[in-house]
């Protein structure tokens, strides 16, 4: 599993898991985005993706979010 991450131009934090294709977004004012800016973005990305990959199957409609996940993950690729 490879976790990619970056900050968007507004200060939000985007991360994605290349194995599952899932992504997560932290708004600029969220504690995750602030922590990522101030400290360890790789740690924040791994925690956000652990939550996303664990909880995703419980409540998320995969078809509804799949297009946005693909778009975000494409933006994370080098």
Protein backbone atom coordinates (compact mmCIF):
# COMPACT_ATOMS: atom_id res chain seq x y z
CA UNK A 1 0.00 0.00 0.00
CA UNK A 2 1.37 3.40 -1.02
CA UNK A 3 -0.11 6.50 0.56
CA UNK A 4 0.26 9.73 -1.37
CA UNK A 5 -0.48 13.18 0.05
CA UNK A 6 -0.32 16.88 -0.71
CA UNK A 7 -1.69 20.23 0.37
CA UNK A 8 -4.11 22.00 -1.94
CA UNK A 9 -3.80 25.69 -2.74
CA UNK A 10 -6.40 26.59 -0.08
CA UNK A 11 -4.48 24.81 2.70
CA UNK A 12 -6.52 21.61 2.72
CA UNK A 13 -4.82 18.24 2.99
CA UNK A 14 -5.52 15.46 0.49
CA UNK A 15 -4.29 11.89 0.80
CA UNK A 16 -4.94 8.70 -1.10
CA UNK A 17 -4.20 5.00 -1.00
CA UNK A 18 -3.05 3.60 -4.34
CA UNK A 19 -4.02 0.05 -3.41
CA UNK A 20 -7.67 0.69 -2.49
CA UNK A 21 -8.18 3.80 -4.61
CA UNK A 22 -9.75 5.62 -1.67
CA UNK A 23 -8.96 9.19 -0.74
CA UNK A 24 -9.55 11.50 2.19
CA UNK A 25 -9.69 15.27 2.47
CA UNK A 26 -9.10 17.49 5.49
CA UNK A 27 -10.46 21.03 5.29
CA UNK A 28 -7.88 23.81 5.86
CA UNK A 29 -9.22 24.59 9.34
CA UNK A 30 -9.47 20.97 10.48
CA UNK A 31 -7.16 19.63 13.16
CA UNK A 32 -5.74 17.06 10.72
CA UNK A 33 -4.75 19.69 8.16
CA UNK A 34 -3.27 21.95 10.83
CA UNK A 35 -1.28 19.04 12.31
CA UNK A 36 -0.06 18.05 8.83
CA UNK A 37 1.12 21.61 8.14
CA UNK A 38 2.89 21.95 11.48
CA UNK A 39 4.36 18.53 11.98
CA UNK A 40 4.32 15.23 10.09
CA UNK A 41 2.17 15.07 6.96
CA UNK A 42 3.08 11.42 6.30
CA UNK A 43 1.82 10.42 9.75
CA UNK A 44 -1.41 12.37 9.27
CA UNK A 45 -1.94 10.78 5.85
CA UNK A 46 -1.43 7.28 7.24
CA UNK A 47 -3.91 7.90 10.08
CA UNK A 48 -6.51 9.43 7.77
CA UNK A 49 -6.22 6.52 5.35
CA UNK A 50 -6.36 3.93 8.14
CA UNK A 51 -9.68 5.44 9.19
CA UNK A 52 -10.92 5.67 5.62
CA UNK A 53 -9.97 2.09 4.75
CA UNK A 54 -11.41 0.70 8.00
CA UNK A 55 -14.67 2.60 8.18
CA UNK A 56 -15.37 2.98 4.49
CA UNK A 57 -17.20 -0.29 4.00
CA UNK A 58 -19.49 0.41 6.94
CA UNK A 59 -21.22 3.54 5.75
CA UNK A 60 -20.00 4.77 2.43
CA UNK A 61 -21.74 4.16 -0.89
CA UNK A 62 -18.80 3.23 -3.11
CA UNK A 63 -20.52 4.27 -6.34
CA UNK A 64 -21.32 7.73 -5.01
CA UNK A 65 -17.75 8.51 -3.95
CA UNK A 66 -15.78 6.54 -6.56
CA UNK A 67 -15.61 9.37 -9.12
CA UNK A 68 -14.31 11.87 -6.58
CA UNK A 69 -11.77 9.35 -5.28
CA UNK A 70 -10.46 8.75 -8.81
CA UNK A 71 -10.20 12.49 -9.43
CA UNK A 72 -8.34 13.16 -6.19
CA UNK A 73 -6.00 10.18 -6.62
CA UNK A 74 -5.11 11.29 -10.16
CA UNK A 75 -4.18 14.69 -8.73
CA UNK A 76 -1.85 13.07 -6.22
CA UNK A 77 0.13 11.09 -8.78
CA UNK A 78 3.53 12.54 -9.67
